[in-house]
Amino acid sequence: MPRTRGRAPAGGRADALSQELIVSAAIALLDERGERGLTFRLLAEQLNTGTGALYWHVSNKGELVVLAADQVLGHALAGDPQREENPRAALHALAIAVFDALDRHRWAAPHVNAPPMLVNALRLLDRIGTLVARTGLPAERHFVAATAVSFYITGVSAKIIAPRIPLDAPASRDAYLAQTAERWERLDPADYPFLAHAAKDLRDHDDRDQFITGLDMLLDGLNTTADPRSST
């Protein structure tokens, strides 16, 4: 997010700082304390400066968290899985790289959004679109397919990694899944034939495997659309 600067803050050290340095320090605090635990006071202490100097580079906490999430996304893109010759394999590698990066920084997942606004989010969509164009899909379908893949990678990652859990739910993931599975088990199979029998899978499923399963289905469908002969 571009920042319009005014006068340098009195007593601050704006010249000794940079937005990149502030964002990197914020990531460390977010990893340690979560989004609620990040404050400009703590960040200023970590950087040995005043809070006024921070506001010279970042408008507010909301902007800082979004910039931090975009930097996490940039780390995921650094491996450049686009070098894979097979575009499907490259898309697969790219998606997993993003998922794993967000899983390591779980606070970031809800803030990496599509359509993108920041530099690394733009790079992600551009890389996806470049790979989709190499699949053989008709050119008029590139935008729709690329944005669909982008929404899957960012949206499903956020849904799996950082789901919206009710305030009265157990704190841990395992406890929450166990509680939900118990409720599913009490459902009448006549009314909920799938859920009543899927409770055990909900309790024991692996998040990463869930993400990859859906990803494979999406990319297989992309290949089928690009080459209808593959479905015959």
Protein backbone atom coordinates (compact mmCIF):
# COMPACT_ATOMS: atom_id res chain seq x y z
CA MET A 1 0.00 0.00 0.00
CA PRO A 2 1.55 3.33 -0.98
CA ARG A 3 2.08 5.77 1.84
CA THR A 4 1.98 9.54 1.47
CA ARG A 5 4.61 10.98 3.78
CA GLY A 6 4.33 14.16 5.76
CA ARG A 7 7.00 15.60 8.03
CA ALA A 8 9.35 13.18 9.76
CA PRO A 9 8.21 12.40 13.32
CA ALA A 10 9.95 14.31 16.09
CA GLY A 11 12.30 12.12 18.07
CA GLY A 12 11.90 9.21 15.65
CA ARG A 13 14.50 7.47 13.54
CA ALA A 14 12.63 7.28 10.25
CA ASP A 15 15.84 7.46 8.24
CA ALA A 16 17.30 4.44 10.08
CA LEU A 17 14.28 2.31 9.28
CA SER A 18 12.64 0.98 6.16
CA GLN A 19 9.25 -0.49 5.50
CA GLU A 20 10.89 -3.85 4.70
CA LEU A 21 12.71 -3.90 8.04
CA ILE A 22 9.54 -3.02 9.93
CA VAL A 23 7.52 -5.67 8.11
CA SER A 24 10.16 -8.35 8.77
CA ALA A 25 10.14 -7.53 12.48
CA ALA A 26 6.34 -7.59 12.46
CA ILE A 27 6.36 -11.10 10.96
CA ALA A 28 8.52 -12.34 13.85
CA LEU A 29 6.11 -10.82 16.38
CA LEU A 30 3.07 -12.15 14.56
CA ASP A 31 4.57 -15.65 14.53
CA GLU A 32 5.23 -15.39 18.26
CA ARG A 33 2.12 -13.59 19.51
CA GLY A 34 -0.48 -13.71 16.76
CA GLU A 35 -2.36 -10.80 15.25
CA ARG A 36 -3.89 -9.68 18.56
CA GLY A 37 -0.48 -9.62 20.21
CA LEU A 38 1.12 -7.33 17.63
CA THR A 39 1.30 -3.73 18.82
CA PHE A 40 3.31 -0.77 17.59
CA ARG A 41 4.73 -0.38 21.09
CA LEU A 42 6.21 -3.89 21.06
CA LEU A 43 7.40 -3.45 17.50
CA ALA A 44 9.11 -0.17 18.39
CA GLU A 45 10.85 -1.90 21.31
CA GLN A 46 12.07 -4.68 19.01
CA LEU A 47 13.48 -2.14 16.57
CA ASN A 48 14.83 0.19 19.26
CA THR A 49 12.92 3.16 17.99
CA GLY A 50 9.79 5.20 18.71
CA THR A 51 6.29 4.46 17.51
CA GLY A 52 6.25 7.74 15.59
CA ALA A 53 9.06 6.47 13.38
CA LEU A 54 6.98 3.40 12.53
CA TYR A 55 4.02 5.51 11.42
CA TRP A 56 6.38 7.30 9.02
CA HIS A 57 6.53 4.02 7.04
CA VAL A 58 3.22 2.26 7.84
CA SER A 59 -0.17 3.90 8.34
CA ASN A 60 -1.68 1.52 10.87
CA LYS A 61 -1.71 -2.03 12.18
CA GLY A 62 -4.12 -3.24 9.50
CA GLU A 63 -1.80 -2.09 6.73
CA LEU A 64 1.18 -3.62 8.52
CA VAL A 65 -0.44 -7.06 8.81
CA VAL A 66 -1.39 -7.04 5.13
CA LEU A 67 2.14 -6.04 4.13
CA ALA A 68 3.53 -8.80 6.36
CA ALA A 69 1.23 -11.37 4.76
CA ASP A 70 2.34 -10.23 1.31
CA GLN A 71 5.98 -10.66 2.33
CA VAL A 72 5.19 -14.22 3.47
CA LEU A 73 3.67 -14.82 0.05
CA GLY A 74 6.84 -13.44 -1.53
CA HIS A 75 8.90 -16.02 0.34
CA ALA A 76 6.68 -18.75 -1.10
CA LEU A 77 7.28 -17.45 -4.63
CA ALA A 78 11.05 -17.28 -4.18
CA GLY A 79 11.55 -20.94 -5.18
CA ASP A 80 10.18 -20.22 -8.68
CA PRO A 81 8.35 -23.50 -9.33
CA GLN A 82 7.44 -22.03 -12.74
CA ARG A 83 10.68 -23.59 -14.01
CA GLU A 84 8.88 -26.94 -14.19
CA GLU A 85 8.46 -27.89 -17.84
CA ASN A 86 4.98 -29.29 -17.29
CA PRO A 87 2.57 -26.43 -16.51
CA ARG A 88 0.30 -28.66 -14.42
CA ALA A 89 3.27 -29.79 -12.32
CA ALA A 90 4.39 -26.17 -11.96
CA LEU A 91 0.92 -25.05 -10.85
CA HIS A 92 0.81 -27.93 -8.38
CA ALA A 93 4.21 -27.01 -6.94
CA LEU A 94 3.30 -23.33 -6.77
CA ALA A 95 0.03 -24.00 -4.94
CA ILE A 96 1.68 -26.25 -2.37
CA ALA A 97 4.49 -23.74 -1.83
CA VAL A 98 1.89 -21.07 -1.01
CA PHE A 99 -0.11 -23.39 1.24
CA ASP A 100 2.99 -24.46 3.18
CA ALA A 101 4.17 -20.87 3.61
CA LEU A 102 0.79 -19.80 4.96
CA ASP A 103 0.65 -22.85 7.21
CA ARG A 104 3.97 -21.78 8.75
CA HIS A 105 2.53 -18.28 9.33
CA ARG A 106 -1.10 -19.08 10.07
CA TRP A 107 -2.05 -15.48 10.89
CA ALA A 108 -1.21 -14.52 7.29
CA ALA A 109 -3.69 -16.84 5.55
CA PRO A 110 -6.80 -14.60 5.83
CA HIS A 111 -4.88 -11.59 4.50
CA VAL A 112 -3.64 -13.07 1.22
CA ASN A 113 -6.59 -12.31 -0.98
CA ALA A 114 -7.60 -12.72 -4.60
CA PRO A 115 -8.03 -10.61 -6.66
CA PRO A 116 -4.67 -9.28 -5.49
CA MET A 117 -3.65 -5.75 -4.61
CA LEU A 118 -0.03 -5.96 -3.41
CA VAL A 119 3.15 -6.79 -5.26
CA ASN A 120 3.53 -10.47 -4.38
CA ALA A 121 -0.17 -11.18 -4.73
CA LEU A 122 0.06 -9.68 -8.21
CA ARG A 123 3.09 -11.84 -8.94
CA LEU A 124 1.20 -14.93 -7.80
CA LEU A 125 -1.73 -14.25 -10.13
CA ASP A 126 0.62 -13.39 -13.00
CA ARG A 127 2.55 -16.62 -12.50
CA ILE A 128 -0.65 -18.64 -12.38
CA GLY A 129 -1.90 -16.96 -15.56
CA THR A 130 1.39 -17.56 -17.34
CA LEU A 131 1.23 -21.26 -16.49
CA VAL A 132 -2.45 -21.56 -17.43
CA ALA A 133 -1.59 -20.08 -20.83
CA ARG A 134 0.86 -22.94 -21.35
CA THR A 135 -1.75 -25.67 -20.77
CA GLY A 136 -3.33 -25.40 -24.21
CA LEU A 137 -6.50 -23.85 -22.86
CA PRO A 138 -8.12 -21.44 -25.37
CA ALA A 139 -6.92 -17.88 -24.87
CA GLU A 140 -10.41 -16.59 -24.09
CA ARG A 141 -10.51 -18.94 -21.07
CA HIS A 142 -7.15 -17.94 -19.57
CA PHE A 143 -8.50 -15.20 -17.28
CA VAL A 144 -11.37 -17.28 -15.91
CA ALA A 145 -9.17 -20.33 -15.33
CA ALA A 146 -6.29 -18.35 -13.79
CA THR A 147 -8.53 -16.50 -11.36
CA ALA A 148 -10.31 -19.75 -10.43
CA VAL A 149 -6.97 -21.35 -9.57
CA SER A 150 -5.90 -18.21 -7.70
CA PHE A 151 -9.10 -18.16 -5.65
CA TYR A 152 -8.63 -21.82 -4.81
CA ILE A 153 -5.04 -21.39 -3.65
CA THR A 154 -5.66 -18.32 -1.51
CA GLY A 155 -9.24 -18.87 -0.44
CA VAL A 156 -9.12 -22.56 0.37
CA SER A 157 -5.77 -22.15 2.11
CA ALA A 158 -7.31 -19.49 4.35
CA LYS A 159 -10.41 -21.60 4.99
CA ILE A 160 -8.35 -24.64 5.97
CA ILE A 161 -5.49 -22.95 7.82
CA ALA A 162 -7.41 -20.23 9.64
CA PRO A 163 -11.10 -21.19 9.73
CA ARG A 164 -13.63 -18.99 11.47
CA ILE A 165 -14.23 -20.91 14.67
CA PRO A 166 -17.07 -19.96 17.08
CA LEU A 167 -15.95 -18.10 20.20
CA ASP A 168 -17.22 -20.87 22.48
CA ALA A 169 -15.36 -23.61 20.58
CA PRO A 170 -12.37 -25.46 22.07
CA ALA A 171 -9.06 -23.71 21.59
CA SER A 172 -7.16 -26.49 19.84
CA ARG A 173 -7.83 -27.73 16.33
CA ASP A 174 -8.03 -31.37 17.40
CA ALA A 175 -10.52 -30.62 20.17
CA TYR A 176 -12.68 -28.54 17.83
CA LEU A 177 -12.70 -31.26 15.17
CA ALA A 178 -13.52 -33.90 17.78
CA GLN A 179 -16.42 -31.82 19.09
CA THR A 180 -17.78 -31.23 15.59
CA ALA A 181 -17.38 -34.92 14.70
CA GLU A 182 -19.38 -35.90 17.78
CA ARG A 183 -22.20 -33.63 16.63
CA TRP A 184 -22.12 -35.17 13.15
CA GLU A 185 -22.27 -38.66 14.65
CA ARG A 186 -25.52 -37.73 16.40
CA LEU A 187 -27.16 -36.67 13.14
CA ASP A 188 -29.92 -38.86 11.74
CA PRO A 189 -28.42 -40.79 8.77
CA ALA A 190 -31.80 -40.60 7.06
CA ASP A 191 -31.52 -36.81 6.92
CA TYR A 192 -27.72 -36.49 6.65
CA PRO A 193 -26.49 -39.68 4.95
CA PHE A 194 -23.04 -38.33 4.13
CA LEU A 195 -22.22 -36.33 7.26
CA ALA A 196 -23.28 -39.02 9.69
CA HIS A 197 -20.78 -41.45 8.16
CA ALA A 198 -18.02 -38.90 7.46
CA ALA A 199 -17.57 -37.92 11.11
CA LYS A 200 -14.55 -40.18 11.60
CA ASP A 201 -12.85 -38.66 8.55
CA LEU A 202 -13.46 -35.14 9.85
CA ARG A 203 -11.83 -36.00 13.15
CA ASP A 204 -8.71 -37.56 11.65
CA HIS A 205 -8.18 -35.79 8.32
CA ASP A 206 -4.95 -34.04 7.35
CA ASP A 207 -5.34 -30.40 6.27
CA ARG A 208 -2.56 -30.50 3.70
CA ASP A 209 -3.91 -33.69 2.15
CA GLN A 210 -7.35 -32.09 1.97
CA PHE A 211 -5.89 -29.09 0.13
CA ILE A 212 -3.91 -31.25 -2.31
CA THR A 213 -6.89 -33.49 -3.05
CA GLY A 214 -9.00 -30.52 -4.13
CA LEU A 215 -6.06 -29.03 -6.01
CA ASP A 216 -5.55 -32.22 -8.02
CA MET A 217 -9.23 -32.32 -8.92
CA LEU A 218 -9.09 -28.69 -10.09
CA LEU A 219 -5.92 -29.12 -12.14
CA ASP A 220 -7.12 -32.39 -13.66
CA GLY A 221 -10.26 -30.58 -14.76
CA LEU A 222 -8.11 -27.81 -16.23
CA ASN A 223 -6.17 -30.36 -18.28
CA THR A 224 -9.39 -31.99 -19.48
CA THR A 225 -10.75 -28.61 -20.59
CA ALA A 226 -7.52 -27.81 -22.40
CA ASP A 227 -7.43 -31.21 -24.13
CA PRO A 228 -10.89 -32.80 -24.43
CA ARG A 229 -9.28 -35.98 -25.78
CA SER A 230 -7.96 -36.75 -22.28
CA SER A 231 -11.51 -37.51 -21.10
CA THR A 232 -12.16 -40.11 -23.75
